[in-house]
């Protein structure tokens, strides 16, 4: 995977190599984290929804190698496929405890209908579908429930991502 990415970047000189981001959902989130762990100096930031990588498999050395990479995780508390207490919550807490300066976790109670087509806030999609929030650029709060701020103003996940660079 990294060879494919590097080849694409090399063949496209218009790509800003200081702004290469990695993101994915579920198993794609697993691969995104795996690429960050294996190539911590390559990516400018990561954004991962419904992380499928179990925290117990991230060593302290690996954690320290990625703690300075800007990361934003999006997950739902009722995700029974990638259980947040086994994946994203302990990883996020370990990153914060290790001094990660730019890591966020938007943890939703449920994944709801953002467009009102199926009933709005009263309609719950499966908890594993938390990528709805990142893909709709709706994630805008941290683990503490407060807005994520940049330059003292609230910011969404994609606005935040666009500001990250090596």
N, C-alpha and C. Protein backbone atom coordinates (compact mmCIF):
# COMPACT_ATOMS: atom_id res chain seq x y z
N UNK A 1 0.82 -1.19 0.00
CA UNK A 1 0.00 0.00 0.00
C UNK A 1 0.87 1.26 0.00
N UNK A 2 1.89 1.30 0.88
CA UNK A 2 2.73 2.50 0.94
C UNK A 2 3.49 2.69 -0.37
N UNK A 3 3.90 1.60 -1.02
CA UNK A 3 4.59 1.71 -2.30
C UNK A 3 3.68 2.34 -3.35
N UNK A 4 2.41 1.95 -3.35
CA UNK A 4 1.44 2.51 -4.28
C UNK A 4 1.26 4.01 -4.04
N UNK A 5 1.13 4.39 -2.77
CA UNK A 5 0.96 5.81 -2.42
C UNK A 5 2.19 6.61 -2.83
N UNK A 6 3.36 6.11 -2.49
CA UNK A 6 4.60 6.83 -2.82
C UNK A 6 4.79 6.93 -4.33
N UNK A 7 4.46 5.89 -5.05
CA UNK A 7 4.56 5.91 -6.51
C UNK A 7 3.63 6.96 -7.10
N UNK A 8 2.40 7.02 -6.60
CA UNK A 8 1.43 8.01 -7.08
C UNK A 8 1.92 9.43 -6.80
N UNK A 9 2.44 9.66 -5.61
CA UNK A 9 2.96 10.98 -5.25
C UNK A 9 4.14 11.35 -6.14
N UNK A 10 5.02 10.40 -6.36
CA UNK A 10 6.20 10.66 -7.19
C UNK A 10 5.81 10.98 -8.63
N UNK A 11 4.79 10.34 -9.15
CA UNK A 11 4.36 10.54 -10.53
C UNK A 11 3.47 11.77 -10.71
N UNK A 12 3.11 12.40 -9.62
CA UNK A 12 2.25 13.58 -9.67
C UNK A 12 2.90 14.72 -8.91
N UNK A 13 3.80 15.45 -9.57
CA UNK A 13 4.59 16.48 -8.87
C UNK A 13 3.77 17.64 -8.31
N UNK A 14 2.51 17.76 -8.69
CA UNK A 14 1.67 18.81 -8.14
C UNK A 14 1.19 18.53 -6.73
N UNK A 15 1.41 17.31 -6.24
CA UNK A 15 0.98 16.95 -4.89
C UNK A 15 1.94 17.57 -3.87
N UNK A 16 1.40 18.22 -2.89
CA UNK A 16 2.19 18.79 -1.80
C UNK A 16 2.56 17.65 -0.85
N UNK A 17 3.80 17.24 -0.88
CA UNK A 17 4.23 16.09 -0.07
C UNK A 17 4.22 16.39 1.43
N UNK A 18 4.02 17.65 1.80
CA UNK A 18 3.88 17.99 3.22
C UNK A 18 2.43 17.91 3.68
N UNK A 19 1.52 17.55 2.77
CA UNK A 19 0.09 17.49 3.09
C UNK A 19 -0.53 16.18 2.62
N UNK A 20 0.12 15.09 2.92
CA UNK A 20 -0.43 13.79 2.56
C UNK A 20 -1.15 13.24 3.78
N UNK A 21 -2.45 13.04 3.62
CA UNK A 21 -3.30 12.60 4.72
C UNK A 21 -3.72 11.16 4.49
N UNK A 22 -3.99 10.46 5.57
CA UNK A 22 -4.48 9.08 5.49
C UNK A 22 -5.75 8.98 6.31
N UNK A 23 -6.74 8.33 5.74
CA UNK A 23 -8.00 8.18 6.46
C UNK A 23 -8.73 6.95 5.98
N UNK A 24 -9.57 6.43 6.84
CA UNK A 24 -10.36 5.28 6.47
C UNK A 24 -11.40 4.97 7.52
N UNK A 25 -12.27 4.07 7.15
CA UNK A 25 -13.38 3.68 8.02
C UNK A 25 -13.31 2.17 8.26
N UNK A 26 -13.49 1.78 9.51
CA UNK A 26 -13.52 0.37 9.87
C UNK A 26 -12.20 -0.30 9.49
N UNK A 27 -12.24 -1.28 8.58
CA UNK A 27 -10.99 -1.93 8.18
C UNK A 27 -10.07 -0.94 7.47
N UNK A 28 -10.65 0.05 6.79
CA UNK A 28 -9.84 1.12 6.21
C UNK A 28 -9.18 1.95 7.28
N UNK A 29 -9.84 2.10 8.43
CA UNK A 29 -9.24 2.77 9.57
C UNK A 29 -8.12 1.94 10.16
N UNK A 30 -8.31 0.62 10.15
CA UNK A 30 -7.25 -0.30 10.59
C UNK A 30 -6.00 -0.07 9.74
N UNK A 31 -6.20 -0.08 8.40
CA UNK A 31 -5.07 0.10 7.50
C UNK A 31 -4.46 1.49 7.65
N UNK A 32 -5.29 2.49 7.86
CA UNK A 32 -4.76 3.85 8.06
C UNK A 32 -3.86 3.90 9.28
N UNK A 33 -4.32 3.33 10.39
CA UNK A 33 -3.48 3.33 11.59
C UNK A 33 -2.23 2.49 11.36
N UNK A 34 -2.36 1.37 10.69
CA UNK A 34 -1.20 0.51 10.40
C UNK A 34 -0.16 1.28 9.58
N UNK A 35 -0.62 2.05 8.59
CA UNK A 35 0.31 2.85 7.79
C UNK A 35 0.96 3.94 8.64
N UNK A 36 0.21 4.56 9.53
CA UNK A 36 0.81 5.55 10.43
C UNK A 36 1.85 4.90 11.34
N UNK A 37 1.54 3.72 11.86
CA UNK A 37 2.47 3.02 12.74
C UNK A 37 3.74 2.60 12.00
N UNK A 38 3.60 2.17 10.76
CA UNK A 38 4.75 1.69 9.99
C UNK A 38 5.52 2.80 9.29
N UNK A 39 4.89 3.94 9.09
CA UNK A 39 5.52 5.05 8.36
C UNK A 39 5.19 6.38 9.05
N UNK A 40 5.60 6.55 10.29
CA UNK A 40 5.18 7.71 11.07
C UNK A 40 5.69 9.05 10.55
N UNK A 41 6.69 9.04 9.71
CA UNK A 41 7.23 10.31 9.19
C UNK A 41 6.67 10.69 7.83
N UNK A 42 5.79 9.87 7.29
CA UNK A 42 5.32 10.12 5.92
C UNK A 42 4.06 10.98 5.85
N UNK A 43 3.13 10.75 6.73
CA UNK A 43 1.81 11.40 6.63
C UNK A 43 1.74 12.65 7.48
N UNK A 44 1.00 13.64 6.97
CA UNK A 44 0.83 14.90 7.71
C UNK A 44 -0.25 14.79 8.77
N UNK A 45 -1.22 13.89 8.56
CA UNK A 45 -2.31 13.73 9.52
C UNK A 45 -3.12 12.49 9.16
N UNK A 46 -3.92 12.05 10.12
CA UNK A 46 -4.82 10.93 9.90
C UNK A 46 -6.20 11.24 10.44
N UNK A 47 -7.21 10.73 9.74
CA UNK A 47 -8.59 10.83 10.23
C UNK A 47 -9.24 9.47 10.04
N UNK A 48 -9.72 8.91 11.13
CA UNK A 48 -10.15 7.52 11.16
C UNK A 48 -11.51 7.40 11.82
N UNK A 49 -12.42 6.72 11.14
CA UNK A 49 -13.76 6.47 11.68
C UNK A 49 -13.92 4.98 11.95
N UNK A 50 -14.61 4.65 13.03
CA UNK A 50 -14.90 3.26 13.39
C UNK A 50 -13.64 2.40 13.37
N UNK A 51 -12.63 2.85 14.08
CA UNK A 51 -11.32 2.19 14.10
C UNK A 51 -11.45 0.70 14.42
N UNK A 52 -10.91 -0.13 13.55
CA UNK A 52 -10.97 -1.58 13.75
C UNK A 52 -9.67 -2.14 14.35
N UNK A 53 -8.72 -1.30 14.67
CA UNK A 53 -7.43 -1.72 15.22
C UNK A 53 -7.56 -1.77 16.75
N UNK A 54 -7.34 -2.93 17.32
CA UNK A 54 -7.46 -3.07 18.77
C UNK A 54 -6.27 -2.43 19.47
N UNK A 55 -6.55 -1.62 20.46
CA UNK A 55 -5.55 -0.90 21.22
C UNK A 55 -4.47 -1.83 21.77
N UNK A 56 -4.84 -3.00 22.20
CA UNK A 56 -3.88 -3.91 22.84
C UNK A 56 -2.72 -4.28 21.92
N UNK A 57 -2.88 -4.09 20.61
CA UNK A 57 -1.85 -4.47 19.66
C UNK A 57 -0.94 -3.30 19.28
N UNK A 58 -1.11 -2.15 19.94
CA UNK A 58 -0.24 -0.99 19.72
C UNK A 58 0.74 -0.94 20.88
N UNK A 59 2.02 -1.16 20.58
CA UNK A 59 3.05 -1.15 21.63
C UNK A 59 3.33 0.29 22.08
N UNK A 60 4.01 0.42 23.20
CA UNK A 60 4.38 1.74 23.69
C UNK A 60 5.32 2.44 22.71
N UNK A 61 6.26 1.69 22.13
CA UNK A 61 7.16 2.28 21.14
C UNK A 61 6.39 2.79 19.93
N UNK A 62 5.44 1.99 19.46
CA UNK A 62 4.62 2.42 18.32
C UNK A 62 3.82 3.67 18.69
N UNK A 63 3.22 3.65 19.86
CA UNK A 63 2.43 4.79 20.31
C UNK A 63 3.28 6.06 20.32
N UNK A 64 4.48 5.96 20.85
CA UNK A 64 5.36 7.12 20.90
C UNK A 64 5.79 7.57 19.51
N UNK A 65 5.84 6.65 18.56
CA UNK A 65 6.24 7.02 17.20
C UNK A 65 5.16 7.81 16.47
N UNK A 66 3.90 7.70 16.92
CA UNK A 66 2.80 8.39 16.23
C UNK A 66 2.19 9.53 17.04
N UNK A 67 2.63 9.73 18.25
CA UNK A 67 1.95 10.70 19.12
C UNK A 67 1.99 12.13 18.59
N UNK A 68 2.94 12.45 17.73
CA UNK A 68 3.03 13.82 17.21
C UNK A 68 2.35 13.97 15.85
N UNK A 69 1.75 12.92 15.34
CA UNK A 69 1.00 13.00 14.09
C UNK A 69 -0.40 13.51 14.45
N UNK A 70 -0.86 14.59 13.83
CA UNK A 70 -2.23 15.03 14.08
C UNK A 70 -3.22 13.93 13.67
N UNK A 71 -4.15 13.61 14.57
CA UNK A 71 -5.14 12.57 14.30
C UNK A 71 -6.49 12.99 14.84
N UNK A 72 -7.52 12.62 14.11
CA UNK A 72 -8.90 12.86 14.55
C UNK A 72 -9.65 11.56 14.33
N UNK A 73 -10.16 11.01 15.41
CA UNK A 73 -10.94 9.78 15.38
C UNK A 73 -12.43 10.12 15.51
N UNK A 74 -13.26 9.36 14.83
CA UNK A 74 -14.71 9.49 14.92
C UNK A 74 -15.26 8.09 15.18
N UNK A 75 -16.12 7.99 16.20
CA UNK A 75 -16.64 6.67 16.58
C UNK A 75 -18.00 6.86 17.25
N UNK A 76 -18.76 5.80 17.33
CA UNK A 76 -20.03 5.83 18.04
C UNK A 76 -19.98 4.86 19.23
N UNK A 77 -20.52 5.30 20.34
CA UNK A 77 -20.53 4.47 21.55
C UNK A 77 -21.26 3.15 21.36
N UNK A 78 -22.24 3.13 20.46
CA UNK A 78 -23.02 1.90 20.28
C UNK A 78 -22.55 1.06 19.09
N UNK A 79 -21.30 1.22 18.70
CA UNK A 79 -20.71 0.41 17.64
C UNK A 79 -20.38 -0.97 18.20
N UNK A 80 -21.08 -1.98 17.73
CA UNK A 80 -20.84 -3.34 18.21
C UNK A 80 -19.87 -4.10 17.31
N UNK A 81 -19.48 -3.51 16.19
CA UNK A 81 -18.52 -4.14 15.28
C UNK A 81 -17.10 -3.80 15.68
N UNK A 82 -16.82 -2.53 15.88
CA UNK A 82 -15.52 -2.07 16.38
C UNK A 82 -15.78 -1.38 17.72
N UNK A 83 -15.83 -2.17 18.74
CA UNK A 83 -16.23 -1.72 20.07
C UNK A 83 -15.27 -0.63 20.57
N UNK A 84 -15.77 0.57 20.83
CA UNK A 84 -14.88 1.68 21.16
C UNK A 84 -14.04 1.46 22.42
N UNK A 85 -14.54 0.71 23.38
CA UNK A 85 -13.77 0.44 24.61
C UNK A 85 -12.59 -0.49 24.35
N UNK A 86 -12.56 -1.15 23.21
CA UNK A 86 -11.46 -2.04 22.85
C UNK A 86 -10.53 -1.44 21.80
N UNK A 87 -10.99 -0.40 21.15
CA UNK A 87 -10.25 0.16 20.02
C UNK A 87 -9.87 1.61 20.28
N UNK A 88 -10.76 2.51 19.96
CA UNK A 88 -10.41 3.92 19.89
C UNK A 88 -10.28 4.61 21.25
N UNK A 89 -11.13 4.30 22.21
CA UNK A 89 -11.06 5.02 23.49
C UNK A 89 -9.73 4.78 24.20
N UNK A 90 -9.31 3.53 24.41
CA UNK A 90 -8.02 3.36 25.09
C UNK A 90 -6.84 3.90 24.28
N UNK A 91 -6.90 3.79 22.95
CA UNK A 91 -5.82 4.33 22.13
C UNK A 91 -5.76 5.85 22.26
N UNK A 92 -6.91 6.49 22.16
CA UNK A 92 -6.96 7.95 22.31
C UNK A 92 -6.42 8.36 23.69
N UNK A 93 -6.87 7.70 24.74
CA UNK A 93 -6.43 8.03 26.10
C UNK A 93 -4.93 7.83 26.26
N UNK A 94 -4.40 6.79 25.65
CA UNK A 94 -2.94 6.55 25.71
C UNK A 94 -2.18 7.64 24.96
N UNK A 95 -2.70 8.06 23.81
CA UNK A 95 -2.05 9.14 23.05
C UNK A 95 -2.03 10.43 23.86
N UNK A 96 -3.15 10.76 24.48
CA UNK A 96 -3.22 11.97 25.31
C UNK A 96 -2.24 11.86 26.48
N UNK A 97 -2.22 10.72 27.14
CA UNK A 97 -1.32 10.52 28.28
C UNK A 97 0.15 10.60 27.86
N UNK A 98 0.43 10.23 26.60
CA UNK A 98 1.80 10.29 26.08
C UNK A 98 2.18 11.69 25.63
N UNK A 99 1.23 12.62 25.70
CA UNK A 99 1.52 14.01 25.35
C UNK A 99 1.20 14.38 23.91
N UNK A 100 0.36 13.61 23.24
CA UNK A 100 -0.01 13.94 21.86
C UNK A 100 -0.62 15.34 21.83
N UNK A 101 -0.04 16.25 21.05
CA UNK A 101 -0.51 17.64 21.08
C UNK A 101 -1.71 17.94 20.19
N UNK A 102 -2.04 17.04 19.25
CA UNK A 102 -3.08 17.36 18.29
C UNK A 102 -3.86 16.09 17.93
N UNK A 103 -4.54 15.55 18.93
CA UNK A 103 -5.35 14.35 18.71
C UNK A 103 -6.76 14.61 19.24
N UNK A 104 -7.76 14.18 18.47
CA UNK A 104 -9.16 14.44 18.81
C UNK A 104 -9.96 13.16 18.64
N UNK A 105 -11.03 13.07 19.41
CA UNK A 105 -11.97 11.96 19.30
C UNK A 105 -13.38 12.51 19.43
N UNK A 106 -14.13 12.42 18.34
CA UNK A 106 -15.55 12.74 18.38
C UNK A 106 -16.28 11.43 18.64
N UNK A 107 -16.81 11.28 19.84
CA UNK A 107 -17.47 10.04 20.24
C UNK A 107 -18.97 10.31 20.38
N UNK A 108 -19.72 9.78 19.46
CA UNK A 108 -21.17 9.99 19.41
C UNK A 108 -21.91 8.93 20.22
N UNK A 109 -23.07 9.29 20.76
CA UNK A 109 -23.91 8.30 21.44
C UNK A 109 -24.49 7.32 20.44
N UNK A 110 -24.95 7.85 19.32
CA UNK A 110 -25.57 7.05 18.25
C UNK A 110 -25.25 7.72 16.92
N UNK A 111 -25.41 6.98 15.85
CA UNK A 111 -25.30 7.56 14.51
C UNK A 111 -26.72 7.85 14.06
N UNK A 112 -27.00 9.13 13.89
CA UNK A 112 -28.36 9.55 13.57
C UNK A 112 -28.47 10.04 12.14
N UNK A 113 -29.67 10.21 11.71
CA UNK A 113 -30.00 10.68 10.37
C UNK A 113 -29.76 12.19 10.29
N UNK A 114 -28.65 12.59 9.69
CA UNK A 114 -28.29 14.01 9.61
C UNK A 114 -29.18 14.80 8.64
N UNK A 115 -29.74 14.12 7.65
CA UNK A 115 -30.51 14.81 6.61
C UNK A 115 -32.01 14.86 6.89
N UNK A 116 -32.47 14.16 7.90
CA UNK A 116 -33.89 14.16 8.22
C UNK A 116 -34.74 13.28 7.31
N UNK A 117 -34.11 12.51 6.47
CA UNK A 117 -34.84 11.66 5.53
C UNK A 117 -35.56 10.52 6.25
N UNK A 118 -34.94 9.97 7.27
CA UNK A 118 -35.49 8.81 7.96
C UNK A 118 -36.06 9.12 9.34
N UNK A 119 -36.03 10.36 9.73
CA UNK A 119 -36.57 10.73 11.03
C UNK A 119 -35.65 11.61 11.85
N UNK A 120 -34.54 12.02 11.28
CA UNK A 120 -33.63 12.93 11.97
C UNK A 120 -32.96 12.31 13.18
N UNK A 121 -32.87 13.08 14.24
CA UNK A 121 -32.18 12.65 15.46
C UNK A 121 -32.81 11.42 16.10
N UNK A 122 -34.06 11.16 15.81
CA UNK A 122 -34.74 10.01 16.39
C UNK A 122 -34.43 8.70 15.66
N UNK A 123 -33.83 8.79 14.49
CA UNK A 123 -33.50 7.59 13.72
C UNK A 123 -32.03 7.24 13.96
N UNK A 124 -31.78 6.00 14.37
CA UNK A 124 -30.42 5.55 14.64
C UNK A 124 -29.98 4.54 13.59
N UNK A 125 -28.92 4.90 12.86
CA UNK A 125 -28.26 3.95 11.98
C UNK A 125 -27.46 2.99 12.86
N UNK A 126 -26.96 1.89 12.31
CA UNK A 126 -26.05 1.05 13.10
C UNK A 126 -24.86 1.87 13.60
N UNK A 127 -24.44 1.62 14.81
CA UNK A 127 -23.35 2.39 15.41
C UNK A 127 -22.06 2.36 14.63
N UNK A 128 -21.87 1.31 13.83
CA UNK A 128 -20.64 1.18 13.05
C UNK A 128 -20.57 2.21 11.93
N UNK A 129 -21.65 2.86 11.64
CA UNK A 129 -21.69 3.81 10.53
C UNK A 129 -21.23 5.21 10.90
N UNK A 130 -20.32 5.32 11.85
CA UNK A 130 -19.89 6.64 12.31
C UNK A 130 -19.19 7.46 11.23
N UNK A 131 -18.78 6.82 10.16
CA UNK A 131 -18.16 7.58 9.08
C UNK A 131 -19.12 8.58 8.46
N UNK A 132 -20.42 8.40 8.71
CA UNK A 132 -21.39 9.39 8.23
C UNK A 132 -20.99 10.78 8.73
N UNK A 133 -20.52 10.87 9.97
CA UNK A 133 -20.16 12.17 10.54
C UNK A 133 -18.90 12.76 9.92
N UNK A 134 -17.89 11.93 9.68
CA UNK A 134 -16.67 12.48 9.08
C UNK A 134 -16.90 12.81 7.61
N UNK A 135 -17.61 11.94 6.89
CA UNK A 135 -17.83 12.17 5.46
C UNK A 135 -18.76 13.36 5.21
N UNK A 136 -19.63 13.65 6.14
CA UNK A 136 -20.52 14.81 6.02
C UNK A 136 -19.89 16.08 6.61
N UNK A 137 -18.63 15.95 7.07
CA UNK A 137 -17.93 17.06 7.71
C UNK A 137 -18.72 17.60 8.90
N UNK A 138 -19.33 16.68 9.63
CA UNK A 138 -20.17 17.05 10.77
C UNK A 138 -19.42 16.93 12.09
N UNK A 139 -18.33 16.16 12.13
CA UNK A 139 -17.57 16.00 13.38
C UNK A 139 -16.91 17.33 13.72
N UNK A 140 -17.21 17.82 14.92
CA UNK A 140 -16.67 19.13 15.30
C UNK A 140 -16.43 19.26 16.81
N UNK A 141 -16.46 18.14 17.52
CA UNK A 141 -16.26 18.22 18.97
C UNK A 141 -15.26 17.15 19.41
N UNK A 142 -14.67 17.40 20.57
CA UNK A 142 -13.68 16.48 21.11
C UNK A 142 -14.28 15.50 22.11
N UNK A 143 -13.42 14.69 22.67
CA UNK A 143 -13.82 13.65 23.62
C UNK A 143 -14.53 14.23 24.83
N UNK A 144 -14.20 15.47 25.17
CA UNK A 144 -14.84 16.14 26.31
C UNK A 144 -16.20 16.74 25.95
N UNK A 145 -16.62 16.60 24.68
CA UNK A 145 -17.90 17.14 24.24
C UNK A 145 -17.85 18.59 23.82
N UNK A 146 -16.72 19.24 24.00
CA UNK A 146 -16.57 20.65 23.64
C UNK A 146 -16.11 20.78 22.20
N UNK A 147 -16.42 21.92 21.56
CA UNK A 147 -15.97 22.11 20.18
C UNK A 147 -14.45 22.03 20.06
N UNK A 148 -13.96 21.47 18.97
CA UNK A 148 -12.53 21.52 18.67
C UNK A 148 -12.26 22.91 18.13
N UNK A 149 -11.24 23.55 18.66
CA UNK A 149 -10.92 24.92 18.28
C UNK A 149 -9.59 24.98 17.55
N UNK A 150 -9.53 25.88 16.59
CA UNK A 150 -8.28 26.21 15.92
C UNK A 150 -8.29 27.72 15.77
N UNK A 151 -7.23 28.36 16.21
CA UNK A 151 -7.18 29.82 16.23
C UNK A 151 -8.38 30.40 16.98
N UNK A 152 -8.74 29.75 18.06
CA UNK A 152 -9.83 30.18 18.94
C UNK A 152 -11.21 30.19 18.30
N UNK A 153 -11.41 29.40 17.25
CA UNK A 153 -12.74 29.29 16.66
C UNK A 153 -13.06 27.82 16.43
N UNK A 154 -14.33 27.47 16.53
CA UNK A 154 -14.73 26.08 16.29
C UNK A 154 -14.40 25.66 14.87
N UNK A 155 -14.03 24.39 14.72
CA UNK A 155 -13.61 23.89 13.42
C UNK A 155 -14.15 22.47 13.22
N UNK A 156 -14.46 22.13 11.99
CA UNK A 156 -14.92 20.77 11.67
C UNK A 156 -13.73 19.90 11.27
N UNK A 157 -13.97 18.62 11.18
CA UNK A 157 -12.90 17.67 10.88
C UNK A 157 -12.19 17.97 9.56
N UNK A 158 -12.91 18.31 8.52
CA UNK A 158 -12.27 18.57 7.23
C UNK A 158 -11.58 19.93 7.21
N UNK A 159 -12.12 20.91 7.92
CA UNK A 159 -11.42 22.19 8.06
C UNK A 159 -10.10 21.97 8.80
N UNK A 160 -10.16 21.18 9.86
CA UNK A 160 -8.97 20.85 10.65
C UNK A 160 -7.96 20.13 9.77
N UNK A 161 -8.42 19.13 9.04
CA UNK A 161 -7.53 18.33 8.21
C UNK A 161 -6.78 19.20 7.20
N UNK A 162 -7.50 20.12 6.57
CA UNK A 162 -6.90 20.98 5.56
C UNK A 162 -5.81 21.88 6.12
N UNK A 163 -5.77 22.07 7.43
CA UNK A 163 -4.77 22.92 8.07
C UNK A 163 -3.52 22.14 8.52
N UNK A 164 -3.54 20.83 8.38
CA UNK A 164 -2.42 20.02 8.86
C UNK A 164 -1.35 19.89 7.78
N UNK A 165 -0.10 19.98 8.21
CA UNK A 165 1.04 19.77 7.31
C UNK A 165 2.25 19.41 8.13
N UNK A 166 3.21 18.81 7.47
CA UNK A 166 4.45 18.42 8.16
C UNK A 166 5.35 19.62 8.33
